[in-house]
C-alpha atoms as a PDB file:
ATOM      1  CA  MET A   1      91.749 110.384  88.460  1.00  0.00           C
ATOM      2  CA  GLN A   2      89.391 107.985  89.608  1.00  0.00           C
ATOM      3  CA  ARG A   3      91.683 105.574  91.795  1.00  0.00           C
ATOM      4  CA  LEU A   4      89.812 103.059  93.843  1.00  0.00           C
ATOM      5  CA  SER A   5      90.236  99.396  92.187  1.00  0.00           C
ATOM      6  CA  LEU A   6      87.518  96.732  92.488  1.00  0.00           C
ATOM      7  CA  THR A   7      89.808  95.386  95.638  1.00  0.00           C
ATOM      8  CA  LYS A   8      88.981  97.980  97.524  1.00  0.00           C
ATOM      9  CA  LEU A   9      85.463  99.107  96.694  1.00  0.00           C
ATOM     10  CA  ARG A  10      84.616  95.174  98.196  1.00  0.00           C
ATOM     11  CA  LEU A  11      86.738  96.673 100.928  1.00  0.00           C
ATOM     12  CA  LEU A  12      85.072  99.482 101.375  1.00  0.00           C
ATOM     13  CA  PRO A  13      81.170  98.198 101.981  1.00  0.00           C
ATOM     14  CA  VAL A  14      82.410  95.369 103.705  1.00  0.00           C
ATOM     15  CA  ALA A  15      83.881  97.645 106.621  1.00  0.00           C
ATOM     16  CA  ALA A  16      82.860 100.702 104.692  1.00  0.00           C
ATOM     17  CA  LEU A  17      85.965 103.452 105.982  1.00  0.00           C
ATOM     18  CA  LEU A  18      85.846 106.948 104.070  1.00  0.00           C
ATOM     19  CA  VAL A  19      88.640 109.577 104.169  1.00  0.00           C
ATOM     20  CA  PHE A  20      87.804 112.968 102.354  1.00  0.00           C
ATOM     21  CA  LEU A  21      89.549 115.811 101.802  1.00  0.00           C
ATOM     22  CA  PRO A  22      87.471 119.233 101.156  1.00  0.00           C
ATOM     23  CA  ALA A  23      90.072 121.534  99.460  1.00  0.00           C
ATOM     24  CA  GLY A  24      92.604 120.167 102.187  1.00  0.00           C
ATOM     25  CA  LEU A  25      89.829 118.061 104.459  1.00  0.00           C
ATOM     26  CA  ILE A  26      90.344 114.501 105.190  1.00  0.00           C
ATOM     27  CA  ALA A  27      88.092 112.043 106.786  1.00  0.00           C
ATOM     28  CA  GLN A  28      88.088 109.023 107.914  1.00  0.00           C
ATOM     29  CA  ALA A  29      85.280 106.410 108.031  1.00  0.00           C
ATOM     30  CA  GLN A  30      85.439 103.146 109.522  1.00  0.00           C
ATOM     31  CA  SER A  31      83.062 100.164 110.591  1.00  0.00           C
ATOM     32  CA  SER A  32      83.407  98.196 113.556  1.00  0.00           C
ATOM     33  CA  ALA A  33      80.733  95.306 112.206  1.00  0.00           C
ATOM     34  CA  PRO A  34      81.829  91.770 111.462  1.00  0.00           C
ATOM     35  CA  ALA A  35      81.522  91.154 108.250  1.00  0.00           C
ATOM     36  CA  HIS A  36      79.621  87.684 106.847  1.00  0.00           C
ATOM     37  CA  ARG A  37      80.490  85.473 103.135  1.00  0.00           C
ATOM     38  CA  GLN A  38      77.695  86.614 101.760  1.00  0.00           C
ATOM     39  CA  VAL A  39      78.411  90.162 102.560  1.00  0.00           C
ATOM     40  CA  GLU A  40      81.499  88.920 100.164  1.00  0.00           C
ATOM     41  CA  GLN A  41      79.197  87.796  97.501  1.00  0.00           C
ATOM     42  CA  LEU A  42      76.795  91.090  97.462  1.00  0.00           C
ATOM     43  CA  VAL A  43      79.610  93.406  97.166  1.00  0.00           C
ATOM     44  CA  ASP A  44      81.328  91.548  93.932  1.00  0.00           C
ATOM     45  CA  GLU A  45      77.231  91.991  92.526  1.00  0.00           C
ATOM     46  CA  ASN A  46      77.186  95.524  93.598  1.00  0.00           C
ATOM     47  CA  ALA A  47      80.931  96.554  92.648  1.00  0.00           C
ATOM     48  CA  ALA A  48      79.953  97.730  89.110  1.00  0.00           C
ATOM     49  CA  ASN A  49      77.019 100.070  90.927  1.00  0.00           C
ATOM     50  CA  TRP A  50      80.030 101.410  92.894  1.00  0.00           C
ATOM     51  CA  LYS A  51      81.945 102.421  90.397  1.00  0.00           C
ATOM     52  CA  GLN A  52      78.605 104.252  88.644  1.00  0.00           C
ATOM     53  CA  VAL A  53      78.467 106.019  91.569  1.00  0.00           C
ATOM     54  CA  SER A  54      81.917 107.154  91.677  1.00  0.00           C
ATOM     55  CA  ARG A  55      81.414 108.500  88.174  1.00  0.00           C
ATOM     56  CA  GLN A  56      78.338 110.269  88.959  1.00  0.00           C
ATOM     57  CA  ILE A  57      80.352 111.798  91.693  1.00  0.00           C
ATOM     58  CA  TRP A  58      83.237 112.546  89.336  1.00  0.00           C
ATOM     59  CA  ASP A  59      80.603 113.852  86.532  1.00  0.00           C
ATOM     60  CA  TYR A  60      78.729 115.870  89.150  1.00  0.00           C
ATOM     61  CA  ALA A  61      82.230 118.178  89.842  1.00  0.00           C
ATOM     62  CA  GLU A  62      83.625 120.565  88.172  1.00  0.00           C
ATOM     63  CA  LEU A  63      86.596 120.519  85.959  1.00  0.00           C
ATOM     64  CA  GLY A  64      89.447 121.059  89.149  1.00  0.00           C
ATOM     65  CA  TYR A  65      88.256 118.183  91.495  1.00  0.00           C
ATOM     66  CA  HIS A  66      91.024 115.682  92.615  1.00  0.00           C
ATOM     67  CA  GLU A  67      91.069 112.559  94.561  1.00  0.00           C
ATOM     68  CA  ASP A  68      93.258 110.134  96.029  1.00  0.00           C
ATOM     69  CA  ASN A  69      92.940 107.832  98.298  1.00  0.00           C
ATOM     70  CA  ILE A  70      94.414 104.585 100.253  1.00  0.00           C
ATOM     71  CA  VAL A  71      93.628 101.925 102.178  1.00  0.00           C
ATOM     72  CA  THR A  72      94.556 101.924 105.476  1.00  0.00           C
ATOM     73  CA  LYS A  73      93.463  98.706 107.233  1.00  0.00           C
ATOM     74  CA  GLY A  74      91.777  96.105 105.142  1.00  0.00           C
ATOM     75  CA  GLY A  75      91.889  92.480 106.350  1.00  0.00           C
ATOM     76  CA  ALA A  76      94.702  90.096 107.737  1.00  0.00           C
ATOM     77  CA  ALA A  77      94.130  87.834 104.306  1.00  0.00           C
ATOM     78  CA  PRO A  78      93.050  87.828 101.193  1.00  0.00           C
ATOM     79  CA  ASN A  79      90.174  85.111 101.585  1.00  0.00           C
ATOM     80  CA  ILE A  80      89.242  86.273 104.783  1.00  0.00           C
ATOM     81  CA  VAL A  81      86.565  89.272 104.889  1.00  0.00           C
ATOM     82  CA  PRO A  82      87.415  91.450 107.652  1.00  0.00           C
ATOM     83  CA  ASP A  83      85.086  92.947 110.266  1.00  0.00           C
ATOM     84  CA  LEU A  84      86.752  95.937 110.085  1.00  0.00           C
ATOM     85  CA  ALA A  85      88.507  98.113 106.464  1.00  0.00           C
ATOM     86  CA  GLN A  86      89.645 101.519 106.998  1.00  0.00           C
ATOM     87  CA  MET A  87      90.460 103.983 104.224  1.00  0.00           C
ATOM     88  CA  GLN A  88      91.140 107.538 103.928  1.00  0.00           C
ATOM     89  CA  LEU A  89      90.428 109.733 101.020  1.00  0.00           C
ATOM     90  CA  MET A  90      91.696 113.281  99.997  1.00  0.00           C
ATOM     91  CA  ALA A  91      89.314 115.300  97.901  1.00  0.00           C
ATOM     92  CA  ARG A  92      90.523 118.540  96.217  1.00  0.00           C
ATOM     93  CA  ASN A  93      88.894 121.695  94.368  1.00  0.00           C
ATOM     94  CA  PRO A  94      89.492 125.537  93.767  1.00  0.00           C
ATOM     95  CA  SER A  95      85.897 126.421  95.372  1.00  0.00           C
ATOM     96  CA  ASN A  96      85.462 125.511  98.915  1.00  0.00           C
ATOM     97  CA  THR A  97      81.304 125.781  97.891  1.00  0.00           C
ATOM     98  CA  THR A  98      81.657 122.855  95.106  1.00  0.00           C
ATOM     99  CA  LEU A  99      83.674 120.371  97.003  1.00  0.00           C
ATOM    100  CA  GLN A 100      81.415 121.123 100.396  1.00  0.00           C
ATOM    101  CA  GLU A 101      78.711 119.945  98.174  1.00  0.00           C
ATOM    102  CA  ILE A 102      80.688 116.666  96.705  1.00  0.00           C
ATOM    103  CA  TRP A 103      81.782 116.106 100.077  1.00  0.00           C
ATOM    104  CA  ASP A 104      77.794 115.733 101.060  1.00  0.00           C
ATOM    105  CA  ARG A 105      77.358 113.394  98.141  1.00  0.00           C
ATOM    106  CA  ILE A 106      80.141 111.118  99.427  1.00  0.00           C
ATOM    107  CA  LEU A 107      78.834 111.061 102.676  1.00  0.00           C
ATOM    108  CA  LYS A 108      75.445 109.822 101.091  1.00  0.00           C
ATOM    109  CA  VAL A 109      77.296 106.950  99.210  1.00  0.00           C
ATOM    110  CA  ALA A 110      79.127 105.755 102.617  1.00  0.00           C
ATOM    111  CA  GLN A 111      75.723 105.312 103.916  1.00  0.00           C
ATOM    112  CA  GLY A 112      74.570 103.812 100.458  1.00  0.00           C
ATOM    113  CA  ALA A 113      77.192 101.570 101.279  1.00  0.00           C
ATOM    114  CA  ALA A 114      76.563 100.516 104.332  1.00  0.00           C
ATOM    115  CA  LEU A 115      73.148  99.787 104.014  1.00  0.00           C
ATOM    116  CA  MET A 116      73.818  97.792 100.882  1.00  0.00           C
ATOM    117  CA  THR A 117      76.419  95.572 102.964  1.00  0.00           C
ATOM    118  CA  GLY A 118      74.457  95.264 105.987  1.00  0.00           C
ATOM    119  CA  THR A 119      76.834  97.216 108.283  1.00  0.00           C
ATOM    120  CA  THR A 120      77.423  99.991 109.948  1.00  0.00           C
ATOM    121  CA  TYR A 121      80.394 103.076 109.720  1.00  0.00           C
ATOM    122  CA  GLU A 122      82.247 106.389 110.757  1.00  0.00           C
ATOM    123  CA  VAL A 123      83.260 109.320 109.465  1.00  0.00           C
ATOM    124  CA  THR A 124      86.144 111.485 111.083  1.00  0.00           C
ATOM    125  CA  ASP A 125      87.084 115.075 109.973  1.00  0.00           C
ATOM    126  CA  ILE A 126      90.713 114.548 109.838  1.00  0.00           C
ATOM    127  CA  SER A 127      91.904 118.363 108.443  1.00  0.00           C
ATOM    128  CA  GLY A 128      90.584 120.366 105.807  1.00  0.00           C
ATOM    129  CA  ASP A 129      92.381 123.517 103.750  1.00  0.00           C
ATOM    130  CA  ALA A 130      90.456 126.347 101.987  1.00  0.00           C
ATOM    131  CA  ASN A 131      90.755 127.739  99.024  1.00  0.00           C
ATOM    132  CA  ILE A 132      93.608 130.736  98.682  1.00  0.00           C
ATOM    133  CA  ILE A 133      91.672 134.385  98.501  1.00  0.00           C
ATOM    134  CA  GLY A 134      94.052 135.935  95.697  1.00  0.00           C
ATOM    135  CA  ASN A 135      94.697 139.402  96.115  1.00  0.00           C
ATOM    136  CA  ASP A 136      95.325 141.597  92.550  1.00  0.00           C
ATOM    137  CA  VAL A 137      96.873 144.481  94.544  1.00  0.00           C
ATOM    138  CA  LEU A 138      99.732 142.684  96.515  1.00  0.00           C
ATOM    139  CA  ALA A 139     100.115 140.484  93.666  1.00  0.00           C
ATOM    140  CA  ARG A 140     101.067 143.426  91.184  1.00  0.00           C
ATOM    141  CA  LEU A 141     103.718 144.751  93.972  1.00  0.00           C
ATOM    142  CA  ALA A 142     104.775 141.293  94.663  1.00  0.00           C
ATOM    143  CA  GLN A 143     105.794 141.479  90.573  1.00  0.00           C
ATOM    144  CA  LYS A 144     107.041 143.802  90.306  1.00  0.00           C
ATOM    145  CA  ASN A 145     109.661 143.228  93.581  1.00  0.00           C
ATOM    146  CA  LEU A 146     110.625 140.074  92.254  1.00  0.00           C
ATOM    147  CA  GLU A 147     111.513 141.263  89.210  1.00  0.00           C
ATOM    148  CA  GLU A 148     113.984 143.865  90.745  1.00  0.00           C
ATOM    149  CA  VAL A 149     115.632 140.867  93.087  1.00  0.00           C
ATOM    150  CA  GLY A 150     115.682 139.570  89.841  1.00  0.00           C
ATOM    151  CA  GLY A 151     116.765 135.658  90.090  1.00  0.00           C
ATOM    152  CA  PHE A 152     120.038 133.882  90.710  1.00  0.00           C
ATOM    153  CA  THR A 153     123.049 131.924  88.183  1.00  0.00           C
ATOM    154  CA  LEU A 154     123.861 128.595  89.100  1.00  0.00           C
ATOM    155  CA  ASP A 155     127.892 128.164  89.639  1.00  0.00           C
ATOM    156  CA  ALA A 156     129.660 125.778  88.377  1.00  0.00           C
ATOM    157  CA  SER A 157     128.945 123.750  91.010  1.00  0.00           C
ATOM    158  CA  GLN A 158     125.303 124.084  91.361  1.00  0.00           C
ATOM    159  CA  ARG A 159     125.532 123.203  87.406  1.00  0.00           C
ATOM    160  CA  GLU A 160     127.212 120.198  87.541  1.00  0.00           C
ATOM    161  CA  PHE A 161     125.295 119.203  90.691  1.00  0.00           C
ATOM    162  CA  ALA A 162     121.844 119.858  88.239  1.00  0.00           C
ATOM    163  CA  LEU A 163     123.120 117.939  85.528  1.00  0.00           C
ATOM    164  CA  LYS A 164     123.649 114.747  87.344  1.00  0.00           C
ATOM    165  CA  LEU A 165     120.628 114.826  89.226  1.00  0.00           C
ATOM    166  CA  GLN A 166     118.519 115.829  86.214  1.00  0.00           C
ATOM    167  CA  LYS A 167     119.860 112.764  84.184  1.00  0.00           C
ATOM    168  CA  THR A 168     117.373 110.663  86.594  1.00  0.00           C
ATOM    169  CA  LEU A 169     114.368 112.297  85.984  1.00  0.00           C
ATOM    170  CA  GLY A 170     114.137 110.009  82.895  1.00  0.00           C
ATOM    171  CA  LEU A 171     112.608 113.192  80.327  1.00  0.00           C
ATOM    172  CA  GLU A 172     113.263 113.340  76.735  1.00  0.00           C
ATOM    173  CA  SER A 173     114.031 116.979  76.966  1.00  0.00           C
ATOM    174  CA  VAL A 174     115.227 118.688  79.972  1.00  0.00           C
ATOM    175  CA  PRO A 175     114.733 122.508  81.027  1.00  0.00           C
ATOM    176  CA  SER A 176     117.430 124.566  80.831  1.00  0.00           C
ATOM    177  CA  LEU A 177     119.445 125.443  83.950  1.00  0.00           C
ATOM    178  CA  ASP A 178     119.063 129.171  83.134  1.00  0.00           C
ATOM    179  CA  LEU A 179     115.202 129.045  84.369  1.00  0.00           C
ATOM    180  CA  THR A 180     116.706 130.171  87.506  1.00  0.00           C
ATOM    181  CA  ARG A 181     117.825 133.534  86.120  1.00  0.00           C
ATOM    182  CA  SER A 182     113.871 134.590  84.936  1.00  0.00           C
ATOM    183  CA  VAL A 183     110.908 136.094  86.688  1.00  0.00           C
ATOM    184  CA  GLN A 184     108.452 134.661  85.088  1.00  0.00           C
ATOM    185  CA  PRO A 185     105.491 137.363  84.296  1.00  0.00           C
ATOM    186  CA  LEU A 186     102.124 137.506  86.379  1.00  0.00           C
ATOM    187  CA  ARG A 187      99.459 136.028  84.413  1.00  0.00           C
ATOM    188  CA  PRO A 188      95.689 135.343  85.812  1.00  0.00           C
ATOM    189  CA  VAL A 189      95.502 132.702  87.963  1.00  0.00           C
ATOM    190  CA  ASP A 190      93.777 129.047  86.402  1.00  0.00           C
ATOM    191  CA  PRO A 191      91.543 127.222  88.945  1.00  0.00           C
ATOM    192  CA  ASN A 192      91.985 123.945  87.116  1.00  0.00           C
ATOM    193  CA  ALA A 193      95.936 123.915  86.653  1.00  0.00           C
ATOM    194  CA  PRO A 194      97.915 121.288  89.243  1.00  0.00           C
ATOM    195  CA  ALA A 195      97.771 122.847  92.616  1.00  0.00           C
ATOM    196  CA  ALA A 196      97.904 121.619  96.164  1.00  0.00           C
ATOM    197  CA  SER A 197      96.229 122.740  99.313  1.00  0.00           C
ATOM    198  CA  THR A 198      97.574 124.469 101.758  1.00  0.00           C
ATOM    199  CA  ASP A 199      96.291 125.963 105.382  1.00  0.00           C
ATOM    200  CA  VAL A 200      97.546 129.255 103.692  1.00  0.00           C
ATOM    201  CA  GLY A 201      94.416 129.346 102.015  1.00  0.00           C
ATOM    202  CA  ASP A 202      92.503 129.287 105.570  1.00  0.00           C
ATOM    203  CA  VAL A 203      94.807 132.157 106.429  1.00  0.00           C
ATOM    204  CA  SER A 204      93.785 134.101 103.199  1.00  0.00           C
ATOM    205  CA  TRP A 205      89.868 134.270 104.385  1.00  0.00           C
ATOM    206  CA  ALA A 206      90.735 136.237 107.288  1.00  0.00           C
ATOM    207  CA  VAL A 207      93.435 138.810 106.111  1.00  0.00           C
ATOM    208  CA  PRO A 208      94.796 140.075 102.336  1.00  0.00           C
ATOM    209  CA  THR A 209      97.452 137.566 101.706  1.00  0.00           C
ATOM    210  CA  ILE A 210      99.762 137.056  98.655  1.00  0.00           C
ATOM    211  CA  GLY A 211     102.378 134.766  98.049  1.00  0.00           C
ATOM    212  CA  PHE A 212     104.905 133.012  95.277  1.00  0.00           C
ATOM    213  CA  VAL A 213     107.726 130.351  94.050  1.00  0.00           C
ATOM    214  CA  THR A 214     110.959 130.756  93.811  1.00  0.00           C
ATOM    215  CA  ALA A 215     113.113 128.372  91.676  1.00  0.00           C
ATOM    216  CA  THR A 216     114.087 126.355  95.360  1.00  0.00           C
ATOM    217  CA  PHE A 217     114.427 122.620  92.859  1.00  0.00           C
ATOM    218  CA  VAL A 218     116.471 121.855  90.073  1.00  0.00           C
ATOM    219  CA  PRO A 219     114.713 122.633  86.956  1.00  0.00           C
ATOM    220  CA  GLY A 220     112.520 120.018  85.699  1.00  0.00           C
ATOM    221  CA  VAL A 221     112.176 118.222  89.214  1.00  0.00           C
ATOM    222  CA  ALA A 222     108.622 117.568  90.599  1.00  0.00           C
ATOM    223  CA  PRO A 223     107.611 117.618  94.082  1.00  0.00           C
ATOM    224  CA  HIS A 224     107.527 115.113  96.733  1.00  0.00           C
ATOM    225  CA  THR A 225     110.256 113.300  95.013  1.00  0.00           C
ATOM    226  CA  TRP A 226     113.789 112.470  96.045  1.00  0.00           C
ATOM    227  CA  GLN A 227     115.571 115.059  93.644  1.00  0.00           C
ATOM    228  CA  ALA A 228     113.330 117.706  95.160  1.00  0.00           C
ATOM    229  CA  ALA A 229     114.671 116.206  98.972  1.00  0.00           C
ATOM    230  CA  ALA A 230     117.700 116.247  97.241  1.00  0.00           C
ATOM    231  CA  SER A 231     117.610 120.035  95.694  1.00  0.00           C
ATOM    232  CA  THR A 232     116.321 121.342  98.894  1.00  0.00           C
ATOM    233  CA  GLY A 233     119.457 119.726 101.064  1.00  0.00           C
ATOM    234  CA  MET A 234     121.929 122.054  98.844  1.00  0.00           C
ATOM    235  CA  SER A 235     122.931 125.813  97.936  1.00  0.00           C
ATOM    236  CA  ILE A 236     120.184 125.829  95.118  1.00  0.00           C
ATOM    237  CA  CYS A 237     117.523 126.055  97.472  1.00  0.00           C
ATOM    238  CA  GLN A 238     119.121 128.235 100.060  1.00  0.00           C
ATOM    239  CA  ASP A 239     119.935 130.945  97.213  1.00  0.00           C
ATOM    240  CA  GLY A 240     116.080 130.112  95.157  1.00  0.00           C
ATOM    241  CA  MET A 241     114.903 131.047  99.655  1.00  0.00           C
ATOM    242  CA  VAL A 242     117.194 134.123  99.662  1.00  0.00           C
ATOM    243  CA  VAL A 243     115.464 135.516  96.418  1.00  0.00           C
ATOM    244  CA  ALA A 244     112.090 135.330  97.866  1.00  0.00           C
ATOM    245  CA  ALA A 245     112.882 136.653 101.290  1.00  0.00           C
ATOM    246  CA  ARG A 246     114.308 139.561  99.867  1.00  0.00           C
ATOM    247  CA  ALA A 247     111.014 139.788  97.236  1.00  0.00           C
ATOM    248  CA  LEU A 248     108.573 139.408 100.891  1.00  0.00           C
ATOM    249  CA  ALA A 249     111.089 141.930 102.614  1.00  0.00           C
ATOM    250  CA  VAL A 250     110.643 144.534  99.774  1.00  0.00           C
ATOM    251  CA  THR A 251     106.878 143.991  99.569  1.00  0.00           C
ATOM    252  CA  ALA A 252     106.453 145.004 103.356  1.00  0.00           C
ATOM    253  CA  ILE A 253     108.397 148.157 103.379  1.00  0.00           C
ATOM    254  CA  ASP A 254     106.809 148.964 100.167  1.00  0.00           C
ATOM    255  CA  LEU A 255     103.329 148.389 102.421  1.00  0.00           C
ATOM    256  CA  PHE A 256     105.001 150.159 105.501  1.00  0.00           C
ATOM    257  CA  GLU A 257     105.645 153.364 103.802  1.00  0.00           C
ATOM    258  CA  ASP A 258     102.352 153.427 101.208  1.00  0.00           C
ATOM    259  CA  PRO A 259      99.548 153.520 103.618  1.00  0.00           C
ATOM    260  CA  GLN A 260      97.087 153.344  99.954  1.00  0.00           C
ATOM    261  CA  LEU A 261      98.777 150.418  99.109  1.00  0.00           C
ATOM    262  CA  VAL A 262      97.231 148.720 102.143  1.00  0.00           C
ATOM    263  CA  GLN A 263      93.797 150.268 101.907  1.00  0.00           C
ATOM    264  CA  ALA A 264      94.125 148.889  98.282  1.00  0.00           C
ATOM    265  CA  ALA A 265      94.743 145.907  99.326  1.00  0.00           C
ATOM    266  CA  LYS A 266      91.660 145.628 101.625  1.00  0.00           C
ATOM    267  CA  ALA A 267      89.455 147.019  99.129  1.00  0.00           C
ATOM    268  CA  ASP A 268      90.302 143.615  96.649  1.00  0.00           C
ATOM    269  CA  PHE A 269      89.995 141.415  99.671  1.00  0.00           C
ATOM    270  CA  GLN A 270      86.815 142.708 100.621  1.00  0.00           C
ATOM    271  CA  GLY A 271      85.499 142.508  97.032  1.00  0.00           C
ATOM    272  CA  LYS A 272      86.951 139.401  96.362  1.00  0.00           C
ATOM    273  CA  LEU A 273      85.025 138.272  99.488  1.00  0.00           C
ATOM    274  CA  ALA A 274      81.650 139.657  98.611  1.00  0.00           C
ATOM    275  CA  GLY A 275      79.397 136.387  98.759  1.00  0.00           C
ATOM    276  CA  LYS A 276      81.132 133.993  99.995  1.00  0.00           C
ATOM    277  CA  THR A 277      81.046 132.313 103.483  1.00  0.00           C
ATOM    278  CA  TYR A 278      84.144 130.907 104.789  1.00  0.00           C
ATOM    279  CA  PHE A 279      84.090 126.615 105.658  1.00  0.00           C
ATOM    280  CA  THR A 280      86.124 124.042 106.939  1.00  0.00           C
ATOM    281  CA  ALA A 281      84.302 120.946 107.993  1.00  0.00           C
ATOM    282  CA  ILE A 282      86.301 120.595 110.977  1.00  0.00           C
ATOM    283  CA  PRO A 283      84.192 120.751 114.450  1.00  0.00           C
ATOM    284  CA  ALA A 284      85.169 124.074 116.199  1.00  0.00           C
ATOM    285  CA  ASP A 285      85.181 121.570 119.478  1.00  0.00           C
ATOM    286  CA  GLN A 286      87.459 119.125 117.797  1.00  0.00           C
ATOM    287  CA  LYS A 287      91.050 118.265 119.596  1.00  0.00           C
ATOM    288  CA  PRO A 288      93.999 118.008 117.041  1.00  0.00           C
ATOM    289  CA  LEU A 289      94.372 114.153 116.176  1.00  0.00           C
ATOM    290  CA  ILE A 290      98.207 113.916 116.170  1.00  0.00           C
ATOM    291  CA  ASP A 291      98.174 110.383 115.930  1.00  0.00           C
ATOM    292  CA  TYR A 292      95.050 109.127 113.528  1.00  0.00           C
ATOM    293  CA  ARG A 293      97.108 107.805 111.570  1.00  0.00           C
ATOM    294  CA  ASN A 294      98.058 104.943 114.065  1.00  0.00           C
ATOM    295  CA  ASP A 295      93.810 105.054 114.654  1.00  0.00           C
END
């Protein structure tokens, strides 16, 4: 998952910029110190060391660490060493604690890069999402209600649309369209399974929280694709949303009618929090960085 290329490695030390997202945390670092020609040679010589350091960070992290990055400012021409380079880096891990330790080490890498190249750097925490604290009581309740509500069956026009869309996926074997009719069984959470970051994680540290997914995409479609956008723009997505809304509504009714369920969910919540401390990298007094992409 390491995506830093040699070119990006050269840009980082020359005008070190770093952005990191622990469990949703994004940070941004940049330098306004002018870069000199001799620095370019120095960075070339130490690019291998950079990769070794990055590998050490990777090896240090437990399974589940994921990193994405982009260079947002890298100079005006390939043969000119820029006086400013900027990069945004996002990192994720199922554990806030582990990711905080990784983040501390990343900051030391940024400091070392600046010392190595004679530049300065700045780091700005842009955003962050905590890991989700699950709740077994609410999970079992929501599962029961999902199974009672059931899935939905695609009608003729939906099937025609779905089959056409599946042909654009480039898959050797596409999932059955009948998957929208079934509800998968409840299974233990796998912290190393593919996942996304969400601010629901921060909410789950404050109150008992439950979440689930329903079939709003054509089977086989991945998120963040034009096929996903196409799916959400038609009735397949709407039918999936209705399934979710019904299950949530019935779950809420159960909780209103049974105070013991509420107390059990709270007890499970307190048990899950035992020995854990909430962490966010965003300073308490920092105002929202609304226009950070243009900075």
